[in-house]
Amino acid sequence: MIIGLTGGLGCGKSEVARILKKRGLKVISADDIAHSLLEENFVKSRIRDIFGEIVFTPNGEVDRKKLAGIVFSDEERLRKLNSILHPLIRRVINAEIAKAREKGEDLVVEIPLLLESKGAYDVDVIVVVSAPLDKVIKRLKEKKGWSKEEIKRRLSKQMPLEQKERLADHVIKNDGTLEDLEEKVDALLEKLRYRLHR
């Protein structure tokens, strides 16, 4: 079974992915793929053409923080960055999905913009991780050091969480402790395995 894992910013997708990995499932992350693509020379070259040297460190690496600061305050530049990265990310993920299907393996694919991609990924089930706004703001302030305004600005660029929940096959509400979350993930896994072996 290919599980597409998504959710809102700061809702705990990566934590759910970590728990699933701990339970023995293979997990691939669109964010990890994006980070490794930013180290490729041909990607750096295209980014340099659009953004210039300002988004590079002195040793020639992409400064992800600077790049994010620019694209999240400029719709057009965000679109340009996505036009470079998204097709490449899709290609890598779909190759991994095809490989898993061929081997008959279960695979979890963590994709922040899975629902926005409108069927670009061949997943069997969509799981959305959701959390209350106050918890999201607290989590992102602590983890990323972002201000409340910055968090709301970034959230405004995403599909509303309520809409993601409506489009999901399963929703995990991350509104308690880590132990609560582990229990919810285990309950979901049991449900999915029952469905798979029915």
Protein backbone atom coordinates (compact mmCIF):
# COMPACT_ATOMS: atom_id res chain seq x y z
CA MET A 1 0.00 0.00 0.00
CA ILE A 2 1.24 3.47 -0.90
CA ILE A 3 0.29 5.95 1.83
CA GLY A 4 0.32 9.64 0.92
CA LEU A 5 1.00 11.61 4.11
CA THR A 6 0.21 15.33 4.17
CA GLY A 7 -1.26 18.02 6.40
CA GLY A 8 -0.95 21.62 7.42
CA LEU A 9 2.21 23.52 8.25
CA GLY A 10 3.37 22.69 11.79
CA CYS A 11 0.75 19.96 12.28
CA GLY A 12 3.28 17.17 12.85
CA LYS A 13 3.59 15.32 9.50
CA SER A 14 7.26 14.64 10.10
CA GLU A 15 6.54 13.29 13.58
CA VAL A 16 3.93 10.90 12.13
CA ALA A 17 6.42 9.89 9.42
CA ARG A 18 9.04 9.22 12.12
CA ILE A 19 6.60 6.99 14.04
CA LEU A 20 5.71 5.07 10.86
CA LYS A 21 9.41 4.58 10.12
CA LYS A 22 9.89 3.29 13.67
CA ARG A 23 7.08 0.78 12.97
CA GLY A 24 9.13 -0.59 10.07
CA LEU A 25 7.57 1.20 7.08
CA LYS A 26 9.73 2.73 4.39
CA VAL A 27 9.25 6.51 4.36
CA ILE A 28 10.34 9.01 1.72
CA SER A 29 9.98 12.74 2.21
CA ALA A 30 9.41 15.36 -0.49
CA ASP A 31 11.22 17.90 1.73
CA ASP A 32 14.30 15.66 2.02
CA ILE A 33 14.30 15.19 -1.76
CA ALA A 34 13.98 18.98 -2.26
CA HIS A 35 16.94 19.57 0.09
CA SER A 36 19.13 17.10 -1.79
CA LEU A 37 18.08 18.63 -5.13
CA LEU A 38 19.28 22.04 -3.88
CA GLU A 39 22.77 20.51 -3.70
CA GLU A 40 22.73 19.54 -7.41
CA ASN A 41 24.75 21.87 -9.66
CA PHE A 42 22.13 22.06 -12.43
CA VAL A 43 19.47 23.10 -9.87
CA LYS A 44 21.83 25.66 -8.30
CA SER A 45 22.48 27.07 -11.74
CA ARG A 46 18.75 27.57 -12.45
CA ILE A 47 18.22 29.13 -9.02
CA ARG A 48 21.18 31.47 -9.60
CA ASP A 49 19.63 32.58 -12.93
CA ILE A 50 16.36 33.55 -11.21
CA PHE A 51 17.44 34.78 -7.76
CA GLY A 52 21.08 35.77 -8.24
CA GLU A 53 23.95 35.34 -5.77
CA ILE A 54 21.92 36.72 -2.84
CA VAL A 55 20.47 33.27 -2.03
CA PHE A 56 23.88 31.57 -1.91
CA THR A 57 26.31 31.18 0.99
CA PRO A 58 29.96 32.25 0.51
CA ASN A 59 30.89 28.60 -0.24
CA GLY A 60 28.31 28.33 -3.05
CA GLU A 61 25.52 26.44 -1.26
CA VAL A 62 21.87 27.53 -1.46
CA ASP A 63 20.95 29.47 1.66
CA ARG A 64 17.55 27.86 2.27
CA LYS A 65 16.56 30.40 4.92
CA LYS A 66 17.25 33.35 2.61
CA LEU A 67 15.51 31.64 -0.30
CA ALA A 68 12.42 30.92 1.84
CA GLY A 69 12.38 34.53 3.07
CA ILE A 70 12.23 35.74 -0.53
CA VAL A 71 9.72 33.28 -2.00
CA PHE A 72 7.24 33.43 0.87
CA SER A 73 6.87 37.17 0.40
CA ASP A 74 6.70 37.07 -3.41
CA GLU A 75 4.06 34.90 -5.12
CA GLU A 76 5.74 35.09 -8.54
CA ARG A 77 9.14 34.01 -7.25
CA LEU A 78 7.55 31.16 -5.27
CA ARG A 79 5.90 30.00 -8.49
CA LYS A 80 9.27 30.13 -10.30
CA LEU A 81 11.02 28.12 -7.58
CA ASN A 82 8.20 25.55 -7.62
CA SER A 83 8.46 25.29 -11.40
CA ILE A 84 12.11 24.23 -10.96
CA LEU A 85 11.72 21.85 -8.01
CA HIS A 86 8.26 20.28 -8.24
CA PRO A 87 8.71 18.36 -11.54
CA LEU A 88 12.03 16.96 -10.26
CA ILE A 89 10.54 15.98 -6.87
CA ARG A 90 7.59 14.32 -8.65
CA ARG A 91 9.92 12.32 -10.87
CA VAL A 92 11.94 10.99 -7.90
CA ILE A 93 8.83 10.17 -5.82
CA ASN A 94 6.97 8.47 -8.66
CA ALA A 95 10.06 6.35 -9.42
CA GLU A 96 10.12 5.27 -5.73
CA ILE A 97 6.38 4.49 -5.83
CA ALA A 98 6.81 2.40 -9.00
CA LYS A 99 9.70 0.52 -7.36
CA ALA A 100 7.61 -0.19 -4.24
CA ARG A 101 4.67 -1.43 -6.32
CA GLU A 102 6.97 -3.70 -8.30
CA LYS A 103 8.40 -5.23 -5.11
CA GLY A 104 5.01 -5.36 -3.35
CA GLU A 105 6.31 -3.14 -0.53
CA ASP A 106 4.39 -0.68 1.64
CA LEU A 107 5.60 2.89 1.27
CA VAL A 108 4.81 6.15 3.07
CA VAL A 109 5.31 9.29 0.99
CA GLU A 110 5.37 12.53 3.00
CA ILE A 111 4.32 15.32 0.63
CA PRO A 112 3.31 18.73 2.05
CA LEU A 113 1.46 19.71 -1.16
CA LEU A 114 -0.02 16.30 -1.98
CA LEU A 115 -3.62 17.52 -2.26
CA GLU A 116 -2.58 20.65 -4.18
CA SER A 117 -0.79 18.44 -6.74
CA LYS A 118 -4.17 17.16 -8.03
CA GLY A 119 -3.40 13.48 -8.54
CA ALA A 120 0.23 13.87 -9.67
CA TYR A 121 1.22 11.04 -7.30
CA ASP A 122 -0.13 7.48 -7.53
CA VAL A 123 -1.01 6.88 -3.85
CA ASP A 124 -3.63 4.44 -2.53
CA VAL A 125 -4.69 6.33 0.56
CA ILE A 126 -4.36 9.95 1.72
CA VAL A 127 -3.67 10.62 5.41
CA VAL A 128 -3.91 14.21 6.64
CA VAL A 129 -2.25 15.27 9.90
CA SER A 130 -4.19 18.09 11.51
CA ALA A 131 -3.73 20.24 14.64
CA PRO A 132 -5.47 23.22 16.29
CA LEU A 133 -4.17 26.64 15.15
CA ASP A 134 -2.94 27.64 18.64
CA LYS A 135 -0.81 24.46 18.83
CA VAL A 136 0.51 25.05 15.29
CA ILE A 137 1.55 28.63 16.16
CA LYS A 138 3.20 27.54 19.44
CA ARG A 139 5.03 24.66 17.71
CA LEU A 140 6.35 26.81 14.83
CA LYS A 141 7.41 29.64 17.16
CA GLU A 142 9.42 27.15 19.25
CA LYS A 143 10.77 25.06 16.39
CA LYS A 144 11.39 27.67 13.68
CA GLY A 145 11.51 30.90 15.66
CA TRP A 146 8.91 32.47 13.34
CA SER A 147 6.66 35.32 14.47
CA LYS A 148 2.88 34.92 14.56
CA GLU A 149 2.62 37.18 11.46
CA GLU A 150 5.17 35.07 9.54
CA ILE A 151 3.29 31.87 10.46
CA LYS A 152 -0.06 33.30 9.33
CA ARG A 153 1.52 34.56 6.09
CA ARG A 154 2.89 31.10 5.30
CA LEU A 155 -0.38 29.39 6.26
CA SER A 156 -2.25 31.72 3.90
CA LYS A 157 -0.23 30.27 0.99
CA GLN A 158 -1.57 26.76 1.70
CA MET A 159 -4.88 25.03 1.11
CA PRO A 160 -7.01 25.53 4.26
CA LEU A 161 -6.68 22.66 6.72
CA GLU A 162 -10.47 22.06 6.82
CA GLN A 163 -10.40 21.49 3.04
CA LYS A 164 -7.47 19.05 3.37
CA GLU A 165 -9.40 17.14 6.04
CA ARG A 166 -12.44 16.87 3.74
CA LEU A 167 -10.29 15.46 0.92
CA ALA A 168 -8.49 12.93 3.13
CA ASP A 169 -9.23 9.21 3.47
CA HIS A 170 -8.05 9.40 7.09
CA VAL A 171 -7.32 12.30 9.46
CA ILE A 172 -4.92 12.13 12.42
CA LYS A 173 -5.67 14.88 14.94
CA ASN A 174 -2.37 15.83 16.55
CA ASP A 175 -3.85 17.69 19.52
CA GLY A 176 -2.35 15.84 22.50
CA THR A 177 0.92 14.36 23.73
CA LEU A 178 3.46 12.37 21.71
CA GLU A 179 2.11 9.20 23.32
CA ASP A 180 -1.41 10.12 22.13
CA LEU A 181 -0.05 10.63 18.62
CA GLU A 182 1.71 7.24 18.65
CA GLU A 183 -1.55 5.56 19.70
CA LYS A 184 -3.45 7.30 16.88
CA VAL A 185 -0.81 6.26 14.32
CA ASP A 186 -0.93 2.64 15.56
CA ALA A 187 -4.74 2.62 15.37
CA LEU A 188 -4.59 3.94 11.81
CA LEU A 189 -1.96 1.35 10.81
CA GLU A 190 -4.16 -1.41 12.16
CA LYS A 191 -7.13 -0.08 10.17
CA LEU A 192 -5.04 0.16 6.96
CA ARG A 193 -3.58 -3.34 7.39
CA TYR A 194 -7.07 -4.77 7.98
CA ARG A 195 -8.26 -3.09 4.78
CA LEU A 196 -5.22 -4.38 2.88
CA HIS A 197 -5.62 -8.02 3.97
CA ARG A 198 -9.41 -8.22 3.90
